[in-house]
C-alpha atoms as a PDB file:
ATOM      1  CA  MET A   1       0.017  -0.037  -0.008  1.00  0.00           C
ATOM      2  CA  ILE A   2       1.305   3.440  -0.906  1.00  0.00           C
ATOM      3  CA  ILE A   3       0.802   5.917   2.041  1.00  0.00           C
ATOM      4  CA  ASN A   4       0.361   9.580   1.026  1.00  0.00           C
ATOM      5  CA  GLN A   5       2.303  11.843   3.405  1.00  0.00           C
ATOM      6  CA  VAL A   6       0.123  14.578   4.920  1.00  0.00           C
ATOM      7  CA  ASP A   7       1.800  18.086   5.236  1.00  0.00           C
ATOM      8  CA  ILE A   8       1.234  18.584   9.042  1.00  0.00           C
ATOM      9  CA  GLN A   9       2.324  22.129   8.714  1.00  0.00           C
ATOM     10  CA  SER A  10      -0.365  22.935   6.416  1.00  0.00           C
ATOM     11  CA  HIS A  11      -3.148  20.598   8.012  1.00  0.00           C
ATOM     12  CA  GLN A  12      -5.746  22.640   9.757  1.00  0.00           C
ATOM     13  CA  PRO A  13      -8.280  20.455  11.650  1.00  0.00           C
ATOM     14  CA  VAL A  14     -11.863  21.606  11.732  1.00  0.00           C
ATOM     15  CA  LEU A  15     -12.845  24.135  14.539  1.00  0.00           C
ATOM     16  CA  ILE A  16      -9.361  24.213  15.957  1.00  0.00           C
ATOM     17  CA  LYS A  17      -9.277  27.943  16.081  1.00  0.00           C
ATOM     18  CA  SER A  18     -12.689  28.024  17.949  1.00  0.00           C
ATOM     19  CA  LEU A  19     -11.518  25.379  20.303  1.00  0.00           C
ATOM     20  CA  ILE A  20      -8.170  27.147  21.361  1.00  0.00           C
ATOM     21  CA  GLU A  21     -10.098  30.591  21.629  1.00  0.00           C
ATOM     22  CA  LYS A  22     -12.804  29.265  23.795  1.00  0.00           C
ATOM     23  CA  LEU A  23     -10.858  27.180  26.209  1.00  0.00           C
ATOM     24  CA  PRO A  24      -9.329  28.739  29.376  1.00  0.00           C
ATOM     25  CA  LEU A  25      -5.519  28.858  29.603  1.00  0.00           C
ATOM     26  CA  ILE A  26      -4.137  25.683  28.141  1.00  0.00           C
ATOM     27  CA  THR A  27      -1.502  24.128  30.436  1.00  0.00           C
ATOM     28  CA  GLY A  28      -0.471  20.609  31.745  1.00  0.00           C
ATOM     29  CA  VAL A  29      -1.075  17.309  29.912  1.00  0.00           C
ATOM     30  CA  TRP A  30      -3.712  16.934  27.330  1.00  0.00           C
ATOM     31  CA  VAL A  31      -4.869  13.735  25.441  1.00  0.00           C
ATOM     32  CA  ASP A  32      -5.614  14.045  21.663  1.00  0.00           C
ATOM     33  CA  CYS A  33      -7.832  10.848  21.428  1.00  0.00           C
ATOM     34  CA  THR A  34      -8.000  11.109  17.477  1.00  0.00           C
ATOM     35  CA  PHE A  35      -4.441  11.978  16.608  1.00  0.00           C
ATOM     36  CA  GLY A  36      -4.903  11.674  12.715  1.00  0.00           C
ATOM     37  CA  ALA A  37      -2.483  14.103  11.044  1.00  0.00           C
ATOM     38  CA  GLY A  38      -1.714  15.723  14.383  1.00  0.00           C
ATOM     39  CA  GLY A  39      -3.412  18.993  13.884  1.00  0.00           C
ATOM     40  CA  TYR A  40      -4.903  19.215  17.313  1.00  0.00           C
ATOM     41  CA  SER A  41      -1.835  17.853  19.091  1.00  0.00           C
ATOM     42  CA  LYS A  42       0.330  20.713  17.402  1.00  0.00           C
ATOM     43  CA  ALA A  43      -2.259  23.381  18.275  1.00  0.00           C
ATOM     44  CA  LEU A  44      -2.428  22.407  21.803  1.00  0.00           C
ATOM     45  CA  LEU A  45       1.400  22.351  22.207  1.00  0.00           C
ATOM     46  CA  GLN A  46       1.648  25.646  20.512  1.00  0.00           C
ATOM     47  CA  ALA A  47      -0.998  27.001  22.871  1.00  0.00           C
ATOM     48  CA  GLY A  48       0.940  25.996  26.046  1.00  0.00           C
ATOM     49  CA  ALA A  49       0.309  22.383  26.775  1.00  0.00           C
ATOM     50  CA  ARG A  50       3.230  20.954  28.646  1.00  0.00           C
ATOM     51  CA  GLN A  51       2.703  17.493  26.971  1.00  0.00           C
ATOM     52  CA  VAL A  52       0.178  15.856  24.623  1.00  0.00           C
ATOM     53  CA  ILE A  53      -0.575  12.018  24.581  1.00  0.00           C
ATOM     54  CA  GLY A  54      -1.883  11.188  21.045  1.00  0.00           C
ATOM     55  CA  ILE A  55      -4.058   8.180  20.699  1.00  0.00           C
ATOM     56  CA  ASP A  56      -5.056   6.637  17.182  1.00  0.00           C
ATOM     57  CA  ARG A  57      -5.902   2.992  16.122  1.00  0.00           C
ATOM     58  CA  ASP A  58      -4.639   3.756  12.537  1.00  0.00           C
ATOM     59  CA  PRO A  59      -1.114   2.265  12.306  1.00  0.00           C
ATOM     60  CA  ASN A  60      -0.360   4.706   9.564  1.00  0.00           C
ATOM     61  CA  VAL A  61      -0.562   7.851  11.813  1.00  0.00           C
ATOM     62  CA  SER A  62       3.073   7.077  13.080  1.00  0.00           C
ATOM     63  CA  LEU A  63       4.293   8.281   9.826  1.00  0.00           C
ATOM     64  CA  GLN A  64       2.589  11.479  10.255  1.00  0.00           C
ATOM     65  CA  ALA A  65       3.844  11.925  13.767  1.00  0.00           C
ATOM     66  CA  ASN A  66       7.440  11.996  12.923  1.00  0.00           C
ATOM     67  CA  ALA A  67       7.707  15.628  12.079  1.00  0.00           C
ATOM     68  CA  LEU A  68       5.910  16.729  15.217  1.00  0.00           C
ATOM     69  CA  LYS A  69       7.921  14.186  17.299  1.00  0.00           C
ATOM     70  CA  ALA A  70      11.150  15.595  15.898  1.00  0.00           C
ATOM     71  CA  ARG A  71      10.097  19.197  16.917  1.00  0.00           C
ATOM     72  CA  TYR A  72       8.645  18.438  20.221  1.00  0.00           C
ATOM     73  CA  GLY A  73      10.322  15.434  21.442  1.00  0.00           C
ATOM     74  CA  SER A  74       8.947  13.923  24.584  1.00  0.00           C
ATOM     75  CA  LYS A  75       6.347  16.573  24.771  1.00  0.00           C
ATOM     76  CA  LEU A  76       4.448  14.417  22.300  1.00  0.00           C
ATOM     77  CA  GLU A  77       3.729  10.848  22.776  1.00  0.00           C
ATOM     78  CA  LEU A  78       1.759   8.731  20.376  1.00  0.00           C
ATOM     79  CA  CYS A  79      -0.138   5.417  21.099  1.00  0.00           C
ATOM     80  CA  GLU A  80      -1.566   3.016  18.573  1.00  0.00           C
ATOM     81  CA  ALA A  81      -4.743   2.117  20.307  1.00  0.00           C
ATOM     82  CA  LYS A  82      -8.438   2.846  20.526  1.00  0.00           C
ATOM     83  CA  PHE A  83      -9.442   5.736  22.717  1.00  0.00           C
ATOM     84  CA  SER A  84     -11.667   3.507  24.806  1.00  0.00           C
ATOM     85  CA  SER A  85      -8.286   2.333  26.217  1.00  0.00           C
ATOM     86  CA  LEU A  86      -7.778   5.822  27.649  1.00  0.00           C
ATOM     87  CA  GLU A  87      -7.435   4.692  31.290  1.00  0.00           C
ATOM     88  CA  SER A  88      -4.747   2.035  30.506  1.00  0.00           C
ATOM     89  CA  ILE A  89      -2.867   4.435  28.350  1.00  0.00           C
ATOM     90  CA  LEU A  90      -2.573   7.009  31.089  1.00  0.00           C
ATOM     91  CA  THR A  91      -1.532   4.356  33.569  1.00  0.00           C
ATOM     92  CA  GLN A  92       1.046   3.288  31.020  1.00  0.00           C
ATOM     93  CA  PHE A  93       2.542   6.797  31.199  1.00  0.00           C
ATOM     94  CA  GLY A  94       2.195   7.155  34.825  1.00  0.00           C
ATOM     95  CA  LEU A  95      -0.120   9.998  34.591  1.00  0.00           C
ATOM     96  CA  LYS A  96      -2.499  10.790  37.404  1.00  0.00           C
ATOM     97  CA  LYS A  97      -3.751  14.158  36.375  1.00  0.00           C
ATOM     98  CA  ILE A  98      -4.503  15.535  32.905  1.00  0.00           C
ATOM     99  CA  SER A  99      -5.800  19.081  31.897  1.00  0.00           C
ATOM    100  CA  GLY A 100      -8.069  17.935  29.105  1.00  0.00           C
ATOM    101  CA  VAL A 101      -9.277  15.359  26.441  1.00  0.00           C
ATOM    102  CA  VAL A 102     -10.032  16.145  22.774  1.00  0.00           C
ATOM    103  CA  PHE A 103     -12.018  13.955  20.553  1.00  0.00           C
ATOM    104  CA  ASP A 104     -12.268  14.624  16.898  1.00  0.00           C
ATOM    105  CA  ILE A 105     -14.848  12.029  15.986  1.00  0.00           C
ATOM    106  CA  GLY A 106     -15.105  10.142  12.606  1.00  0.00           C
ATOM    107  CA  VAL A 107     -12.882   9.606   9.622  1.00  0.00           C
ATOM    108  CA  SER A 108      -9.866  11.719   9.074  1.00  0.00           C
ATOM    109  CA  SER A 109      -9.059  13.758   5.815  1.00  0.00           C
ATOM    110  CA  MET A 110      -5.828  11.509   5.598  1.00  0.00           C
ATOM    111  CA  GLN A 111      -7.964   8.337   5.612  1.00  0.00           C
ATOM    112  CA  ILE A 112     -10.607   9.759   3.106  1.00  0.00           C
ATOM    113  CA  ASP A 113      -7.938  10.933   0.621  1.00  0.00           C
ATOM    114  CA  GLU A 114      -6.123   7.559   0.419  1.00  0.00           C
ATOM    115  CA  SER A 115      -8.117   5.634  -2.169  1.00  0.00           C
ATOM    116  CA  ASP A 116      -6.585   2.294  -0.973  1.00  0.00           C
ATOM    117  CA  ARG A 117      -8.451   2.713   2.328  1.00  0.00           C
ATOM    118  CA  GLY A 118     -11.787   2.466   0.682  1.00  0.00           C
ATOM    119  CA  PHE A 119     -13.571   5.256   2.644  1.00  0.00           C
ATOM    120  CA  SER A 120     -14.750   7.386  -0.132  1.00  0.00           C
ATOM    121  CA  PHE A 121     -16.968   6.780  -3.021  1.00  0.00           C
ATOM    122  CA  GLN A 122     -15.363   9.699  -4.918  1.00  0.00           C
ATOM    123  CA  GLN A 123     -12.322   7.679  -5.850  1.00  0.00           C
ATOM    124  CA  ASP A 124     -12.227   3.870  -6.697  1.00  0.00           C
ATOM    125  CA  GLY A 125     -10.502   1.551  -4.221  1.00  0.00           C
ATOM    126  CA  PRO A 126     -11.037  -1.631  -2.323  1.00  0.00           C
ATOM    127  CA  LEU A 127     -14.207  -1.579  -0.148  1.00  0.00           C
ATOM    128  CA  ASP A 128     -12.266  -1.642   2.990  1.00  0.00           C
ATOM    129  CA  MET A 129     -12.935   1.277   5.674  1.00  0.00           C
ATOM    130  CA  ARG A 130     -11.027  -0.227   8.470  1.00  0.00           C
ATOM    131  CA  MET A 131      -9.370   2.444  10.597  1.00  0.00           C
ATOM    132  CA  SER A 132      -7.155  -0.175  12.312  1.00  0.00           C
ATOM    133  CA  GLN A 133      -6.596  -2.251   9.345  1.00  0.00           C
ATOM    134  CA  LYS A 134      -7.741  -5.188  11.226  1.00  0.00           C
ATOM    135  CA  GLY A 135     -10.850  -7.175  11.352  1.00  0.00           C
ATOM    136  CA  PHE A 136     -13.594  -7.501   8.836  1.00  0.00           C
ATOM    137  CA  THR A 137     -14.060  -5.058   6.110  1.00  0.00           C
ATOM    138  CA  ALA A 138     -17.073  -3.218   4.444  1.00  0.00           C
ATOM    139  CA  SER A 139     -16.790  -5.739   1.712  1.00  0.00           C
ATOM    140  CA  ASP A 140     -17.397  -8.501   4.178  1.00  0.00           C
ATOM    141  CA  ILE A 141     -20.521  -6.855   5.323  1.00  0.00           C
ATOM    142  CA  VAL A 142     -21.755  -5.928   1.875  1.00  0.00           C
ATOM    143  CA  ASN A 143     -21.241  -9.467   0.569  1.00  0.00           C
ATOM    144  CA  ASN A 144     -22.215 -11.542   3.524  1.00  0.00           C
ATOM    145  CA  ALA A 145     -24.809  -9.712   5.734  1.00  0.00           C
ATOM    146  CA  SER A 146     -28.387 -10.512   5.186  1.00  0.00           C
ATOM    147  CA  GLU A 147     -30.826  -8.114   3.329  1.00  0.00           C
ATOM    148  CA  GLU A 148     -32.335  -7.289   6.727  1.00  0.00           C
ATOM    149  CA  GLU A 149     -29.031  -6.584   8.387  1.00  0.00           C
ATOM    150  CA  LEU A 150     -27.920  -4.269   5.532  1.00  0.00           C
ATOM    151  CA  ALA A 151     -31.054  -2.404   5.684  1.00  0.00           C
ATOM    152  CA  ASN A 152     -30.740  -2.112   9.515  1.00  0.00           C
ATOM    153  CA  ILE A 153     -27.257  -0.768   9.198  1.00  0.00           C
ATOM    154  CA  ILE A 154     -27.959   1.725   6.427  1.00  0.00           C
ATOM    155  CA  TYR A 155     -31.048   2.950   8.228  1.00  0.00           C
ATOM    156  CA  TYR A 156     -29.761   3.127  11.718  1.00  0.00           C
ATOM    157  CA  TYR A 157     -26.220   4.168  11.022  1.00  0.00           C
ATOM    158  CA  GLY A 158     -26.790   6.212   7.793  1.00  0.00           C
ATOM    159  CA  GLU A 159     -30.330   7.376   8.819  1.00  0.00           C
ATOM    160  CA  ASP A 160     -31.214   6.815   5.196  1.00  0.00           C
ATOM    161  CA  ARG A 161     -35.071   6.386   4.351  1.00  0.00           C
ATOM    162  CA  SER A 162     -33.952   4.442   1.084  1.00  0.00           C
ATOM    163  CA  ALA A 163     -32.146   1.778   3.285  1.00  0.00           C
ATOM    164  CA  ARG A 164     -34.489  -1.124   2.257  1.00  0.00           C
ATOM    165  CA  ILE A 165     -34.305  -0.686  -1.422  1.00  0.00           C
ATOM    166  CA  ILE A 166     -30.501  -0.097  -1.340  1.00  0.00           C
ATOM    167  CA  ALA A 167     -30.159  -3.287   0.768  1.00  0.00           C
ATOM    168  CA  ARG A 168     -32.409  -5.196  -1.796  1.00  0.00           C
ATOM    169  CA  ALA A 169     -30.291  -3.836  -4.742  1.00  0.00           C
ATOM    170  CA  ILE A 170     -27.007  -4.870  -2.990  1.00  0.00           C
ATOM    171  CA  VAL A 171     -28.178  -8.343  -2.400  1.00  0.00           C
ATOM    172  CA  ARG A 172     -29.437  -8.616  -5.989  1.00  0.00           C
ATOM    173  CA  GLU A 173     -26.049  -7.423  -7.372  1.00  0.00           C
ATOM    174  CA  ARG A 174     -23.910  -9.712  -5.376  1.00  0.00           C
ATOM    175  CA  THR A 175     -25.793 -12.842  -6.738  1.00  0.00           C
ATOM    176  CA  LYS A 176     -24.153 -11.729 -10.102  1.00  0.00           C
ATOM    177  CA  GLN A 177     -20.597 -10.710  -8.666  1.00  0.00           C
ATOM    178  CA  LYS A 178     -19.068  -9.784  -5.491  1.00  0.00           C
ATOM    179  CA  ILE A 179     -19.057  -6.104  -4.647  1.00  0.00           C
ATOM    180  CA  LEU A 180     -15.351  -5.520  -3.889  1.00  0.00           C
ATOM    181  CA  THR A 181     -14.708  -1.813  -4.816  1.00  0.00           C
ATOM    182  CA  THR A 182     -16.103   1.536  -3.759  1.00  0.00           C
ATOM    183  CA  GLU A 183     -16.916   2.302  -7.346  1.00  0.00           C
ATOM    184  CA  HIS A 184     -18.989  -0.809  -7.774  1.00  0.00           C
ATOM    185  CA  LEU A 185     -20.973  -0.258  -4.602  1.00  0.00           C
ATOM    186  CA  SER A 186     -21.634   3.605  -5.356  1.00  0.00           C
ATOM    187  CA  ARG A 187     -22.747   2.485  -8.911  1.00  0.00           C
ATOM    188  CA  VAL A 188     -25.287   0.011  -7.468  1.00  0.00           C
ATOM    189  CA  ILE A 189     -26.608   2.768  -5.136  1.00  0.00           C
ATOM    190  CA  ASN A 190     -26.861   5.533  -7.590  1.00  0.00           C
ATOM    191  CA  SER A 191     -28.556   3.175 -10.115  1.00  0.00           C
ATOM    192  CA  THR A 192     -31.066   2.426  -7.323  1.00  0.00           C
ATOM    193  CA  VAL A 193     -31.800   5.766  -5.775  1.00  0.00           C
ATOM    194  CA  ARG A 194     -32.057   8.678  -8.159  1.00  0.00           C
ATOM    195  CA  ARG A 195     -30.527  11.882  -6.975  1.00  0.00           C
ATOM    196  CA  SER A 196     -33.974  13.714  -7.682  1.00  0.00           C
ATOM    197  CA  ASN A 197     -35.526  11.396  -5.132  1.00  0.00           C
ATOM    198  CA  PHE A 198     -32.754  11.692  -2.638  1.00  0.00           C
ATOM    199  CA  LYS A 199     -33.750  14.703  -0.453  1.00  0.00           C
ATOM    200  CA  SER A 200     -30.957  16.448   1.161  1.00  0.00           C
ATOM    201  CA  LYS A 201     -30.521  20.160   2.026  1.00  0.00           C
ATOM    202  CA  ASN A 202     -26.749  19.663   1.271  1.00  0.00           C
ATOM    203  CA  ASN A 203     -27.399  17.893  -2.037  1.00  0.00           C
ATOM    204  CA  LEU A 204     -25.529  14.869  -1.043  1.00  0.00           C
ATOM    205  CA  ASN A 205     -24.530  12.024  -3.359  1.00  0.00           C
ATOM    206  CA  PRO A 206     -27.032   9.055  -2.916  1.00  0.00           C
ATOM    207  CA  SER A 207     -23.889   6.957  -1.697  1.00  0.00           C
ATOM    208  CA  THR A 208     -23.012   9.264   1.157  1.00  0.00           C
ATOM    209  CA  LEU A 209     -25.230   7.821   3.891  1.00  0.00           C
ATOM    210  CA  THR A 210     -24.615   4.195   3.039  1.00  0.00           C
ATOM    211  CA  PHE A 211     -20.857   4.627   3.112  1.00  0.00           C
ATOM    212  CA  GLN A 212     -21.102   6.441   6.415  1.00  0.00           C
ATOM    213  CA  ALA A 213     -23.199   3.576   7.762  1.00  0.00           C
ATOM    214  CA  LEU A 214     -20.775   0.895   6.602  1.00  0.00           C
ATOM    215  CA  ARG A 215     -17.878   2.886   8.026  1.00  0.00           C
ATOM    216  CA  ILE A 216     -19.522   3.113  11.539  1.00  0.00           C
ATOM    217  CA  ALA A 217     -20.327  -0.512  11.414  1.00  0.00           C
ATOM    218  CA  VAL A 218     -16.896  -1.751  10.397  1.00  0.00           C
ATOM    219  CA  ASN A 219     -15.270   0.367  13.034  1.00  0.00           C
ATOM    220  CA  ASP A 220     -17.974   0.128  15.765  1.00  0.00           C
ATOM    221  CA  GLU A 221     -17.709   3.851  16.006  1.00  0.00           C
ATOM    222  CA  LEU A 222     -20.773   4.686  18.252  1.00  0.00           C
ATOM    223  CA  MET A 223     -19.738   2.009  20.887  1.00  0.00           C
ATOM    224  CA  GLU A 224     -16.104   3.442  20.754  1.00  0.00           C
ATOM    225  CA  LEU A 225     -17.406   6.926  21.431  1.00  0.00           C
ATOM    226  CA  ASN A 226     -19.602   5.751  24.117  1.00  0.00           C
ATOM    227  CA  LEU A 227     -16.743   3.952  25.884  1.00  0.00           C
ATOM    228  CA  GLY A 228     -14.467   6.936  25.196  1.00  0.00           C
ATOM    229  CA  LEU A 229     -16.691   9.435  26.833  1.00  0.00           C
ATOM    230  CA  LEU A 230     -17.246   7.321  29.809  1.00  0.00           C
ATOM    231  CA  ALA A 231     -13.545   6.723  30.284  1.00  0.00           C
ATOM    232  CA  ALA A 232     -12.892  10.584  29.993  1.00  0.00           C
ATOM    233  CA  GLU A 233     -15.496  11.181  32.632  1.00  0.00           C
ATOM    234  CA  ARG A 234     -13.488   8.668  34.944  1.00  0.00           C
ATOM    235  CA  VAL A 235      -9.958  10.144  34.393  1.00  0.00           C
ATOM    236  CA  LEU A 236     -10.706  13.856  34.246  1.00  0.00           C
ATOM    237  CA  ASP A 237     -10.111  15.837  37.472  1.00  0.00           C
ATOM    238  CA  GLU A 238     -11.812  18.971  38.743  1.00  0.00           C
ATOM    239  CA  GLY A 239     -11.306  21.769  36.230  1.00  0.00           C
ATOM    240  CA  SER A 240     -10.151  19.529  33.458  1.00  0.00           C
ATOM    241  CA  MET A 241     -11.712  19.975  29.993  1.00  0.00           C
ATOM    242  CA  LEU A 242     -13.666  17.815  27.800  1.00  0.00           C
ATOM    243  CA  ALA A 243     -13.800  18.858  23.950  1.00  0.00           C
ATOM    244  CA  VAL A 244     -15.603  16.800  21.328  1.00  0.00           C
ATOM    245  CA  VAL A 245     -15.989  17.611  17.611  1.00  0.00           C
ATOM    246  CA  SER A 246     -18.545  15.480  15.718  1.00  0.00           C
ATOM    247  CA  PHE A 247     -19.772  15.341  12.143  1.00  0.00           C
ATOM    248  CA  HIS A 248     -23.081  13.668  11.886  1.00  0.00           C
ATOM    249  CA  SER A 249     -26.275  13.722  13.843  1.00  0.00           C
ATOM    250  CA  LEU A 250     -25.779  10.205  15.574  1.00  0.00           C
ATOM    251  CA  GLU A 251     -22.376  11.211  16.957  1.00  0.00           C
ATOM    252  CA  ASP A 252     -23.599  14.692  18.022  1.00  0.00           C
ATOM    253  CA  ARG A 253     -26.767  13.367  19.428  1.00  0.00           C
ATOM    254  CA  LEU A 254     -24.785  10.919  21.629  1.00  0.00           C
ATOM    255  CA  VAL A 255     -22.294  13.543  22.811  1.00  0.00           C
ATOM    256  CA  LYS A 256     -25.067  16.114  23.502  1.00  0.00           C
ATOM    257  CA  GLN A 257     -26.974  13.738  25.642  1.00  0.00           C
ATOM    258  CA  PHE A 258     -24.010  12.738  27.468  1.00  0.00           C
ATOM    259  CA  ILE A 259     -22.881  16.206  28.373  1.00  0.00           C
ATOM    260  CA  LYS A 260     -26.261  17.414  29.286  1.00  0.00           C
ATOM    261  CA  SER A 261     -27.184  14.397  31.417  1.00  0.00           C
ATOM    262  CA  ARG A 262     -23.756  14.878  33.252  1.00  0.00           C
ATOM    263  CA  SER A 263     -24.382  18.596  33.681  1.00  0.00           C
ATOM    264  CA  ARG A 264     -27.596  18.804  35.529  1.00  0.00           C
ATOM    265  CA  GLN A 265     -28.889  17.779  39.082  1.00  0.00           C
ATOM    266  CA  ASN A 266     -31.049  14.750  39.067  1.00  0.00           C
ATOM    267  CA  SER A 267     -31.060  14.438  35.224  1.00  0.00           C
ATOM    268  CA  GLY A 268     -34.331  13.173  33.867  1.00  0.00           C
ATOM    269  CA  GLN A 269     -34.393  10.006  31.803  1.00  0.00           C
ATOM    270  CA  SER A 270     -34.126   9.857  27.984  1.00  0.00           C
ATOM    271  CA  ARG A 271     -34.103   7.257  25.400  1.00  0.00           C
ATOM    272  CA  TYR A 272     -30.309   7.679  25.149  1.00  0.00           C
ATOM    273  CA  LEU A 273     -29.761   7.347  28.956  1.00  0.00           C
ATOM    274  CA  PRO A 274     -32.697   5.194  30.277  1.00  0.00           C
ATOM    275  CA  ASP A 275     -30.858   3.972  33.316  1.00  0.00           C
ATOM    276  CA  ALA A 276     -29.057   7.012  34.416  1.00  0.00           C
ATOM    277  CA  GLU A 277     -28.995   7.823  38.147  1.00  0.00           C
ATOM    278  CA  VAL A 278     -26.779  10.901  38.194  1.00  0.00           C
ATOM    279  CA  SER A 279     -27.683  12.566  41.730  1.00  0.00           C
ATOM    280  CA  SER A 280     -24.803  14.885  41.361  1.00  0.00           C
ATOM    281  CA  PRO A 281     -23.457  16.489  38.107  1.00  0.00           C
ATOM    282  CA  SER A 282     -19.923  15.602  36.945  1.00  0.00           C
ATOM    283  CA  PHE A 283     -19.493  18.192  34.303  1.00  0.00           C
ATOM    284  CA  ARG A 284     -20.567  21.863  33.565  1.00  0.00           C
ATOM    285  CA  GLU A 285     -21.441  22.544  29.961  1.00  0.00           C
ATOM    286  CA  LEU A 286     -19.485  25.702  28.951  1.00  0.00           C
ATOM    287  CA  PHE A 287     -21.871  26.820  26.044  1.00  0.00           C
ATOM    288  CA  LYS A 288     -25.543  26.263  25.782  1.00  0.00           C
ATOM    289  CA  LYS A 289     -25.372  26.523  22.049  1.00  0.00           C
ATOM    290  CA  VAL A 290     -23.210  24.089  19.992  1.00  0.00           C
ATOM    291  CA  ILE A 291     -20.207  25.830  18.350  1.00  0.00           C
ATOM    292  CA  LYS A 292     -20.172  25.598  14.515  1.00  0.00           C
ATOM    293  CA  PRO A 293     -17.609  26.541  11.856  1.00  0.00           C
ATOM    294  CA  SER A 294     -17.628  29.914  10.410  1.00  0.00           C
ATOM    295  CA  ILE A 295     -18.578  30.603   6.791  1.00  0.00           C
ATOM    296  CA  GLU A 296     -14.945  31.272   6.109  1.00  0.00           C
ATOM    297  CA  GLU A 297     -13.898  28.006   7.432  1.00  0.00           C
ATOM    298  CA  ILE A 298     -16.527  26.179   5.376  1.00  0.00           C
ATOM    299  CA  SER A 299     -15.502  27.911   2.280  1.00  0.00           C
ATOM    300  CA  ALA A 300     -11.847  27.071   2.888  1.00  0.00           C
ATOM    301  CA  ASN A 301     -12.748  23.488   3.833  1.00  0.00           C
ATOM    302  CA  PRO A 302     -16.205  22.180   2.803  1.00  0.00           C
ATOM    303  CA  ARG A 303     -15.868  19.089   4.889  1.00  0.00           C
ATOM    304  CA  ALA A 304     -16.198  21.343   7.852  1.00  0.00           C
ATOM    305  CA  ARG A 305     -19.845  22.267   6.982  1.00  0.00           C
ATOM    306  CA  SER A 306     -21.384  19.523   9.336  1.00  0.00           C
ATOM    307  CA  ALA A 307     -18.918  19.893  12.081  1.00  0.00           C
ATOM    308  CA  LYS A 308     -20.066  20.670  15.844  1.00  0.00           C
ATOM    309  CA  LEU A 309     -17.945  21.404  18.931  1.00  0.00           C
ATOM    310  CA  ARG A 310     -19.197  20.779  22.459  1.00  0.00           C
ATOM    311  CA  LEU A 311     -17.207  21.729  25.566  1.00  0.00           C
ATOM    312  CA  ALA A 312     -17.621  20.816  29.194  1.00  0.00           C
ATOM    313  CA  VAL A 313     -15.465  21.173  32.337  1.00  0.00           C
ATOM    314  CA  LYS A 314     -15.272  18.518  35.014  1.00  0.00           C
ATOM    315  CA  ILE A 315     -16.482  19.678  38.468  1.00  0.00           C
ATOM    316  CA  PRO A 316     -16.390  17.817  41.809  1.00  0.00           C
ATOM    317  CA  SER A 317     -19.135  15.358  42.389  1.00  0.00           C
ATOM    318  CA  LYS A 318     -20.690  15.049  45.694  1.00  0.00           C
ATOM    319  CA  ASN A 319     -21.665  11.461  45.250  1.00  0.00           C
ATOM    320  CA  ASN A 320     -18.641   9.437  44.146  1.00  0.00           C
ATOM    321  CA  GLN A 321     -20.637   6.186  44.287  1.00  0.00           C
ATOM    322  CA  LYS A 322     -23.410   7.305  41.683  1.00  0.00           C
ATOM    323  CA  LYS A 323     -24.199   4.880  39.020  1.00  0.00           C
ATOM    324  CA  ILE A 324     -22.815   5.724  35.672  1.00  0.00           C
ATOM    325  CA  SER A 325     -24.935   4.087  32.899  1.00  0.00           C
ATOM    326  CA  LYS A 326     -23.817   3.316  29.328  1.00  0.00           C
ATOM    327  CA  ILE A 327     -25.219   5.639  26.748  1.00  0.00           C
ATOM    328  CA  GLU A 328     -27.829   3.966  24.418  1.00  0.00           C
ATOM    329  CA  PHE A 329     -27.413   4.229  20.639  1.00  0.00           C
ATOM    330  CA  PRO A 330     -28.494   2.124  17.607  1.00  0.00           C
ATOM    331  CA  GLN A 331     -26.667  -1.191  17.435  1.00  0.00           C
ATOM    332  CA  VAL A 332     -27.079  -3.773  14.691  1.00  0.00           C
ATOM    333  CA  GLN A 333     -26.716  -7.326  15.489  1.00  0.00           C
ATOM    334  CA  PHE A 334     -25.396  -9.858  12.937  1.00  0.00           C
ATOM    335  CA  ALA A 335     -26.607 -13.319  12.473  1.00  0.00           C
ATOM    336  CA  THR A 336     -24.058 -14.106   9.776  1.00  0.00           C
ATOM    337  CA  GLY A 337     -20.979 -14.542  11.866  1.00  0.00           C
ATOM    338  CA  LEU A 338     -19.990 -10.919  11.637  1.00  0.00           C
ATOM    339  CA  GLN A 339     -19.413  -9.681  15.292  1.00  0.00           C
ATOM    340  CA  LEU A 340     -18.903  -6.151  16.159  1.00  0.00           C
END
């Protein structure tokens, strides 16, 4: 596989300016849970962080870290792991206190732009989509999941009302030949769902939501976000910051409900947190309204248009024995041997 080098010097992550401007004084140790091309890590170090621990499950990010590592030395450390392993990673580095945790959720520009990774329908490549390059691929799901399972994945993870007809078309096509490339899958979807019937305020390609859904399923992204937020809640100290950038409604809904449920006394139940018993808040939400990119940022980077930033600060909890429930989100169960 040919790895395209990303110019870290020019890479500007979405909403980074807003994040730095709205945070209090940046000091101490920060954790960049989604290192990617290193944009957030670099910005945090430049803003005054004493050290940044970068986490990413993608083995290719070590190539992107070399330039930053050469510049900052031990001030930057990188772990190839899922961010749900946050607690064990901090133990590994002997860290008992951190100043903040940043999540930039979803697929990175680096991954999208590499055709061999199979994340984008805009260029042909193998139907892969694995962030860690381990486990089953999007092709495995497309060619082996039942029609009902495919429909559920596309509907729940892509929120696409055309899920059933797309799933039916995929199953029909794979009886003729396996669907192994991004171009092949996109062609099946586009021949099934006419763009004129695909209602979207952003005029999305009909393949967009199916590709999103498959990527989420392959990488178990919602469960990982769930576990990552809960881990951050456990490791953050009083005054420490939680910052999360999300790019689609499923992610943002999960983050929003997590922060709001942890930010108010005797939080009421919701369908996302049905078992929550938070008698004492653990976070204070910094801004009531979600932070969105400016018109200028969207013009410079169209991928930023759906980004949302939410910030919260950890506060002392009066009830350390409170029950912390998992966050509910759509989960698709496979009956064909594919286990998430």
